[in-house]
Amino acid sequence: QVQLVEAGGGLVQAGGSLRLSCAASGRTFSNYAMGWFRQAPGKEREFVVAVSGSGGWTSYADSVKGRFTISRDNVKSNVYLQMNSLKPEDTAVYYCAAKSWSGPWIATMVEPSEYDYWGQGTQVTVSS
């Protein structure tokens, strides 16, 4: 069992920045690929970015490329999402997720069903 707790959400103006964090506990953190997803009201949960257990690969949704950066600290068992140049359309609840996986990126990892554990989410609101 892996427990995930997100933090760092809030209200920010368009063009601003936020840094989300996700603290993991319970299992060997480096055995898990980590992803960030988001869900806006009335919409399905969508993939934002993922990183391998070692940090060796990352994969970003086109909508956030060049603006968001994922990183992880396997000593502290944390994963981070640095969000810059925020837009109103980035407004959503952001979730971190863990997938027991030591392989390369695979396309199906954009699907929420691929992930084994989820945090409770943190709200990000970007005002125009």
N, C-alpha and C. Protein backbone atom coordinates (compact mmCIF):
# COMPACT_ATOMS: atom_id res chain seq x y z
N GLN A 1 0.84 -1.19 0.00
CA GLN A 1 0.00 0.00 0.00
C GLN A 1 0.88 1.25 0.00
N VAL A 2 0.49 2.21 -0.79
CA VAL A 2 1.19 3.48 -0.89
C VAL A 2 0.20 4.59 -0.57
N GLN A 3 0.60 5.47 0.31
CA GLN A 3 -0.21 6.65 0.62
C GLN A 3 0.41 7.87 -0.04
N LEU A 4 -0.44 8.67 -0.67
CA LEU A 4 0.01 9.86 -1.37
C LEU A 4 -0.74 11.06 -0.84
N VAL A 5 0.01 12.13 -0.55
CA VAL A 5 -0.61 13.35 -0.05
C VAL A 5 -0.07 14.54 -0.84
N GLU A 6 -0.98 15.22 -1.54
CA GLU A 6 -0.60 16.38 -2.33
C GLU A 6 -0.68 17.65 -1.48
N ALA A 7 0.09 18.64 -1.89
CA ALA A 7 0.04 19.95 -1.24
C ALA A 7 0.51 20.99 -2.25
N GLY A 8 0.20 22.24 -1.97
CA GLY A 8 0.73 23.34 -2.77
C GLY A 8 -0.25 24.02 -3.70
N GLY A 9 -1.47 23.52 -3.75
CA GLY A 9 -2.45 24.18 -4.60
C GLY A 9 -2.84 25.54 -4.05
N GLY A 10 -3.60 26.27 -4.85
CA GLY A 10 -4.06 27.59 -4.41
C GLY A 10 -4.60 28.40 -5.56
N LEU A 11 -4.78 29.68 -5.29
CA LEU A 11 -5.29 30.63 -6.27
C LEU A 11 -4.13 31.49 -6.78
N VAL A 12 -4.02 31.60 -8.09
CA VAL A 12 -2.94 32.37 -8.69
C VAL A 12 -3.48 33.08 -9.92
N GLN A 13 -2.89 34.21 -10.23
CA GLN A 13 -3.29 34.93 -11.43
C GLN A 13 -2.67 34.30 -12.67
N ALA A 14 -3.31 34.49 -13.79
CA ALA A 14 -2.76 34.00 -15.05
C ALA A 14 -1.34 34.54 -15.24
N GLY A 15 -0.47 33.66 -15.70
CA GLY A 15 0.93 34.01 -15.86
C GLY A 15 1.79 33.70 -14.65
N GLY A 16 1.15 33.37 -13.55
CA GLY A 16 1.86 33.08 -12.33
C GLY A 16 2.35 31.64 -12.26
N SER A 17 2.89 31.29 -11.10
CA SER A 17 3.49 29.97 -10.89
C SER A 17 3.01 29.36 -9.59
N LEU A 18 3.00 28.04 -9.58
CA LEU A 18 2.75 27.27 -8.37
C LEU A 18 3.62 26.03 -8.41
N ARG A 19 3.94 25.53 -7.23
CA ARG A 19 4.69 24.27 -7.14
C ARG A 19 3.89 23.31 -6.28
N LEU A 20 3.49 22.22 -6.88
CA LEU A 20 2.78 21.18 -6.15
C LEU A 20 3.77 20.14 -5.66
N SER A 21 3.45 19.55 -4.55
CA SER A 21 4.25 18.44 -4.04
C SER A 21 3.35 17.27 -3.71
N CYS A 22 3.94 16.10 -3.73
CA CYS A 22 3.22 14.88 -3.39
C CYS A 22 4.16 14.03 -2.55
N ALA A 23 3.77 13.80 -1.32
CA ALA A 23 4.57 12.99 -0.41
C ALA A 23 4.04 11.57 -0.38
N ALA A 24 4.94 10.62 -0.56
CA ALA A 24 4.56 9.22 -0.60
C ALA A 24 5.09 8.50 0.62
N SER A 25 4.35 7.49 1.03
CA SER A 25 4.80 6.65 2.14
C SER A 25 4.26 5.25 1.93
N GLY A 26 4.94 4.28 2.50
CA GLY A 26 4.43 2.93 2.54
C GLY A 26 5.22 1.88 1.80
N ARG A 27 5.80 2.23 0.68
CA ARG A 27 6.57 1.26 -0.09
C ARG A 27 7.83 1.94 -0.63
N THR A 28 8.67 1.16 -1.29
CA THR A 28 9.89 1.73 -1.86
C THR A 28 9.52 2.66 -3.00
N PHE A 29 9.73 3.94 -2.77
CA PHE A 29 9.24 4.97 -3.69
C PHE A 29 9.82 4.82 -5.09
N SER A 30 11.07 4.44 -5.19
CA SER A 30 11.72 4.37 -6.50
C SER A 30 11.20 3.22 -7.36
N ASN A 31 10.39 2.35 -6.80
CA ASN A 31 9.78 1.27 -7.57
C ASN A 31 8.54 1.71 -8.34
N TYR A 32 8.19 2.99 -8.16
CA TYR A 32 6.95 3.49 -8.74
C TYR A 32 7.21 4.63 -9.72
N ALA A 33 6.62 4.48 -10.90
CA ALA A 33 6.48 5.64 -11.76
C ALA A 33 5.40 6.53 -11.16
N MET A 34 5.60 7.82 -11.28
CA MET A 34 4.66 8.77 -10.68
C MET A 34 4.05 9.65 -11.76
N GLY A 35 2.78 9.91 -11.62
CA GLY A 35 2.10 10.77 -12.57
C GLY A 35 1.33 11.87 -11.87
N TRP A 36 1.11 12.94 -12.62
CA TRP A 36 0.19 13.99 -12.20
C TRP A 36 -0.96 14.02 -13.20
N PHE A 37 -2.15 14.06 -12.68
CA PHE A 37 -3.37 14.19 -13.47
C PHE A 37 -4.14 15.40 -12.96
N ARG A 38 -5.10 15.84 -13.75
CA ARG A 38 -5.96 16.92 -13.28
C ARG A 38 -7.38 16.69 -13.77
N GLN A 39 -8.31 17.26 -13.02
CA GLN A 39 -9.72 17.11 -13.37
C GLN A 39 -10.43 18.42 -13.11
N ALA A 40 -10.95 18.99 -14.18
CA ALA A 40 -11.74 20.22 -14.09
C ALA A 40 -13.21 19.85 -13.92
N PRO A 41 -14.02 20.76 -13.37
CA PRO A 41 -15.44 20.45 -13.17
C PRO A 41 -16.12 20.04 -14.46
N GLY A 42 -16.83 18.93 -14.41
CA GLY A 42 -17.56 18.45 -15.56
C GLY A 42 -16.72 17.77 -16.62
N LYS A 43 -15.45 17.59 -16.34
CA LYS A 43 -14.57 16.96 -17.32
C LYS A 43 -13.95 15.70 -16.74
N GLU A 44 -13.43 14.87 -17.64
CA GLU A 44 -12.76 13.66 -17.21
C GLU A 44 -11.36 13.99 -16.67
N ARG A 45 -10.87 13.09 -15.85
CA ARG A 45 -9.52 13.24 -15.36
C ARG A 45 -8.54 13.08 -16.53
N GLU A 46 -7.59 14.02 -16.62
CA GLU A 46 -6.68 13.98 -17.75
C GLU A 46 -5.23 13.94 -17.29
N PHE A 47 -4.44 13.28 -18.12
CA PHE A 47 -3.01 13.14 -17.86
C PHE A 47 -2.30 14.47 -18.03
N VAL A 48 -1.37 14.74 -17.12
CA VAL A 48 -0.54 15.94 -17.23
C VAL A 48 0.91 15.57 -17.52
N VAL A 49 1.48 14.71 -16.68
CA VAL A 49 2.89 14.38 -16.83
C VAL A 49 3.18 13.15 -15.99
N ALA A 50 4.23 12.40 -16.38
CA ALA A 50 4.69 11.26 -15.60
C ALA A 50 6.21 11.22 -15.61
N VAL A 51 6.73 10.53 -14.60
CA VAL A 51 8.18 10.36 -14.47
C VAL A 51 8.47 8.94 -14.01
N SER A 52 9.56 8.38 -14.49
CA SER A 52 9.92 7.03 -14.09
C SER A 52 10.42 6.99 -12.66
N GLY A 53 10.56 5.78 -12.15
CA GLY A 53 11.00 5.61 -10.78
C GLY A 53 12.37 6.21 -10.51
N SER A 54 13.24 6.11 -11.50
CA SER A 54 14.60 6.65 -11.36
C SER A 54 14.70 8.10 -11.78
N GLY A 55 13.65 8.60 -12.41
CA GLY A 55 13.70 9.94 -12.98
C GLY A 55 14.32 9.97 -14.35
N GLY A 56 14.57 8.80 -14.94
CA GLY A 56 15.26 8.72 -16.21
C GLY A 56 14.44 9.15 -17.41
N TRP A 57 13.14 9.00 -17.32
CA TRP A 57 12.29 9.50 -18.41
C TRP A 57 11.14 10.30 -17.83
N THR A 58 10.65 11.22 -18.64
CA THR A 58 9.44 11.97 -18.34
C THR A 58 8.59 12.04 -19.60
N SER A 59 7.31 12.24 -19.40
CA SER A 59 6.41 12.39 -20.53
C SER A 59 5.37 13.44 -20.16
N TYR A 60 5.16 14.42 -21.03
CA TYR A 60 4.28 15.55 -20.76
C TYR A 60 3.12 15.57 -21.76
N ALA A 61 1.97 15.99 -21.28
CA ALA A 61 0.88 16.30 -22.18
C ALA A 61 1.26 17.54 -23.00
N ASP A 62 0.81 17.58 -24.23
CA ASP A 62 1.14 18.71 -25.10
C ASP A 62 0.70 20.04 -24.49
N SER A 63 -0.39 20.02 -23.77
CA SER A 63 -0.96 21.26 -23.23
C SER A 63 -0.08 21.92 -22.17
N VAL A 64 0.86 21.17 -21.61
CA VAL A 64 1.70 21.73 -20.53
C VAL A 64 3.18 21.76 -20.88
N LYS A 65 3.55 21.21 -22.02
CA LYS A 65 4.96 21.19 -22.41
C LYS A 65 5.54 22.60 -22.44
N GLY A 66 6.71 22.73 -21.86
CA GLY A 66 7.37 24.03 -21.84
C GLY A 66 6.94 24.92 -20.69
N ARG A 67 5.87 24.52 -19.99
CA ARG A 67 5.38 25.32 -18.86
C ARG A 67 5.49 24.58 -17.54
N PHE A 68 5.26 23.29 -17.56
CA PHE A 68 5.28 22.48 -16.35
C PHE A 68 6.53 21.61 -16.34
N THR A 69 7.04 21.34 -15.13
CA THR A 69 8.20 20.46 -14.97
C THR A 69 7.98 19.53 -13.79
N ILE A 70 8.14 18.25 -14.05
CA ILE A 70 8.03 17.27 -12.99
C ILE A 70 9.43 16.91 -12.50
N SER A 71 9.54 16.64 -11.21
CA SER A 71 10.79 16.17 -10.64
C SER A 71 10.46 15.28 -9.46
N ARG A 72 11.43 14.51 -9.04
CA ARG A 72 11.21 13.65 -7.89
C ARG A 72 12.47 13.57 -7.05
N ASP A 73 12.28 13.31 -5.78
CA ASP A 73 13.36 13.13 -4.82
C ASP A 73 13.12 11.79 -4.15
N ASN A 74 13.86 10.79 -4.55
CA ASN A 74 13.62 9.44 -4.03
C ASN A 74 14.11 9.27 -2.60
N VAL A 75 14.96 10.15 -2.14
CA VAL A 75 15.39 10.10 -0.74
C VAL A 75 14.24 10.56 0.16
N LYS A 76 13.58 11.64 -0.27
CA LYS A 76 12.47 12.18 0.52
C LYS A 76 11.12 11.55 0.16
N SER A 77 11.10 10.72 -0.89
CA SER A 77 9.86 10.10 -1.37
C SER A 77 8.83 11.16 -1.76
N ASN A 78 9.29 12.15 -2.47
CA ASN A 78 8.42 13.22 -2.94
C ASN A 78 8.50 13.35 -4.46
N VAL A 79 7.41 13.79 -5.02
CA VAL A 79 7.40 14.19 -6.43
C VAL A 79 6.81 15.59 -6.49
N TYR A 80 7.33 16.38 -7.42
CA TYR A 80 6.96 17.79 -7.49
C TYR A 80 6.45 18.12 -8.89
N LEU A 81 5.61 19.13 -8.95
CA LEU A 81 5.16 19.66 -10.24
C LEU A 81 5.30 21.18 -10.19
N GLN A 82 6.29 21.67 -10.89
CA GLN A 82 6.48 23.12 -11.02
C GLN A 82 5.65 23.60 -12.20
N MET A 83 4.74 24.52 -11.94
CA MET A 83 3.83 25.01 -12.96
C MET A 83 4.08 26.50 -13.17
N ASN A 84 4.52 26.85 -14.35
CA ASN A 84 4.80 28.24 -14.71
C ASN A 84 3.85 28.69 -15.82
N SER A 85 3.78 29.97 -16.01
CA SER A 85 2.94 30.56 -17.07
C SER A 85 1.54 29.97 -17.03
N LEU A 86 0.97 29.94 -15.87
CA LEU A 86 -0.33 29.32 -15.70
C LEU A 86 -1.42 30.06 -16.46
N LYS A 87 -2.38 29.30 -16.95
CA LYS A 87 -3.50 29.81 -17.71
C LYS A 87 -4.80 29.46 -17.00
N PRO A 88 -5.86 30.21 -17.24
CA PRO A 88 -7.15 29.84 -16.62
C PRO A 88 -7.57 28.41 -16.93
N GLU A 89 -7.23 27.92 -18.10
CA GLU A 89 -7.61 26.55 -18.45
C GLU A 89 -6.83 25.49 -17.68
N ASP A 90 -5.84 25.90 -16.90
CA ASP A 90 -5.14 24.96 -16.02
C ASP A 90 -5.91 24.74 -14.72
N THR A 91 -6.96 25.48 -14.50
CA THR A 91 -7.76 25.34 -13.28
C THR A 91 -8.35 23.94 -13.20
N ALA A 92 -8.08 23.28 -12.08
CA ALA A 92 -8.52 21.89 -11.89
C ALA A 92 -8.08 21.42 -10.51
N VAL A 93 -8.58 20.26 -10.14
CA VAL A 93 -8.02 19.54 -9.01
C VAL A 93 -6.88 18.68 -9.56
N TYR A 94 -5.72 18.80 -8.96
CA TYR A 94 -4.54 18.06 -9.41
C TYR A 94 -4.29 16.89 -8.48
N TYR A 95 -4.09 15.73 -9.09
CA TYR A 95 -3.87 14.49 -8.36
C TYR A 95 -2.51 13.91 -8.70
N CYS A 96 -1.81 13.38 -7.70
CA CYS A 96 -0.65 12.56 -8.02
C CYS A 96 -1.05 11.10 -7.93
N ALA A 97 -0.36 10.28 -8.68
CA ALA A 97 -0.68 8.86 -8.78
C ALA A 97 0.60 8.06 -8.90
N ALA A 98 0.54 6.82 -8.42
CA ALA A 98 1.70 5.94 -8.44
C ALA A 98 1.38 4.66 -9.17
N LYS A 99 2.32 4.24 -9.99
CA LYS A 99 2.19 2.99 -10.74
C LYS A 99 3.42 2.14 -10.48
N SER A 100 3.19 0.92 -10.01
CA SER A 100 4.30 0.00 -9.80
C SER A 100 4.86 -0.39 -11.17
N TRP A 101 6.02 0.19 -11.50
CA TRP A 101 6.51 0.04 -12.88
C TRP A 101 7.97 0.43 -12.93
N SER A 102 8.78 -0.41 -13.57
CA SER A 102 10.21 -0.10 -13.72
C SER A 102 10.63 -0.07 -15.17
N GLY A 103 9.64 -0.08 -16.06
CA GLY A 103 9.94 -0.11 -17.49
C GLY A 103 9.96 1.26 -18.11
N PRO A 104 10.01 1.29 -19.43
CA PRO A 104 10.02 2.56 -20.16
C PRO A 104 8.63 3.18 -20.20
N TRP A 105 8.55 4.37 -20.73
CA TRP A 105 7.25 5.02 -20.93
C TRP A 105 6.45 4.19 -21.92
N ILE A 106 5.19 3.99 -21.63
CA ILE A 106 4.28 3.36 -22.59
C ILE A 106 3.05 4.25 -22.72
N ALA A 107 2.48 4.26 -23.91
CA ALA A 107 1.41 5.21 -24.22
C ALA A 107 0.20 5.08 -23.31
N THR A 108 -0.06 3.87 -22.84
CA THR A 108 -1.25 3.66 -22.01
C THR A 108 -1.12 4.34 -20.64
N MET A 109 0.06 4.83 -20.32
CA MET A 109 0.24 5.46 -19.02
C MET A 109 -0.44 6.83 -18.93
N VAL A 110 -1.06 7.27 -20.01
CA VAL A 110 -1.88 8.47 -19.93
C VAL A 110 -3.26 8.16 -19.35
N GLU A 111 -3.56 6.88 -19.18
CA GLU A 111 -4.86 6.48 -18.67
C GLU A 111 -4.84 6.36 -17.15
N PRO A 112 -5.80 7.00 -16.47
CA PRO A 112 -5.84 6.89 -15.01
C PRO A 112 -5.90 5.45 -14.51
N SER A 113 -6.51 4.57 -15.28
CA SER A 113 -6.66 3.17 -14.86
C SER A 113 -5.33 2.44 -14.75
N GLU A 114 -4.28 3.01 -15.32
CA GLU A 114 -2.96 2.37 -15.26
C GLU A 114 -2.30 2.52 -13.88
N TYR A 115 -2.81 3.41 -13.06
CA TYR A 115 -2.15 3.76 -11.81
C TYR A 115 -2.79 3.05 -10.64
N ASP A 116 -1.94 2.67 -9.69
CA ASP A 116 -2.37 1.82 -8.59
C ASP A 116 -2.84 2.61 -7.36
N TYR A 117 -2.28 3.78 -7.16
CA TYR A 117 -2.58 4.56 -5.96
C TYR A 117 -2.75 6.02 -6.34
N TRP A 118 -3.61 6.68 -5.57
CA TRP A 118 -3.95 8.08 -5.83
C TRP A 118 -3.96 8.88 -4.54
N GLY A 119 -3.60 10.15 -4.69
CA GLY A 119 -3.77 11.08 -3.60
C GLY A 119 -5.17 11.66 -3.60
N GLN A 120 -5.42 12.54 -2.66
CA GLN A 120 -6.77 13.10 -2.49
C GLN A 120 -6.99 14.32 -3.38
N GLY A 121 -5.94 14.87 -3.94
CA GLY A 121 -6.05 16.00 -4.84
C GLY A 121 -5.83 17.33 -4.14
N THR A 122 -5.40 18.31 -4.94
CA THR A 122 -5.24 19.67 -4.45
C THR A 122 -5.76 20.63 -5.52
N GLN A 123 -6.52 21.62 -5.09
CA GLN A 123 -7.17 22.53 -6.03
C GLN A 123 -6.20 23.61 -6.52
N VAL A 124 -6.17 23.79 -7.82
CA VAL A 124 -5.43 24.88 -8.44
C VAL A 124 -6.43 25.73 -9.20
N THR A 125 -6.47 27.01 -8.88
CA THR A 125 -7.37 27.94 -9.55
C THR A 125 -6.55 29.08 -10.14
N VAL A 126 -6.70 29.29 -11.44
CA VAL A 126 -5.98 30.35 -12.13
C VAL A 126 -6.98 31.40 -12.59
N SER A 127 -6.84 32.59 -12.09
CA SER A 127 -7.78 33.66 -12.45
C SER A 127 -7.24 34.45 -13.64
N SER A 128 -8.17 34.95 -14.42
CA SER A 128 -7.77 35.70 -15.63
C SER A 128 -7.64 37.19 -15.34
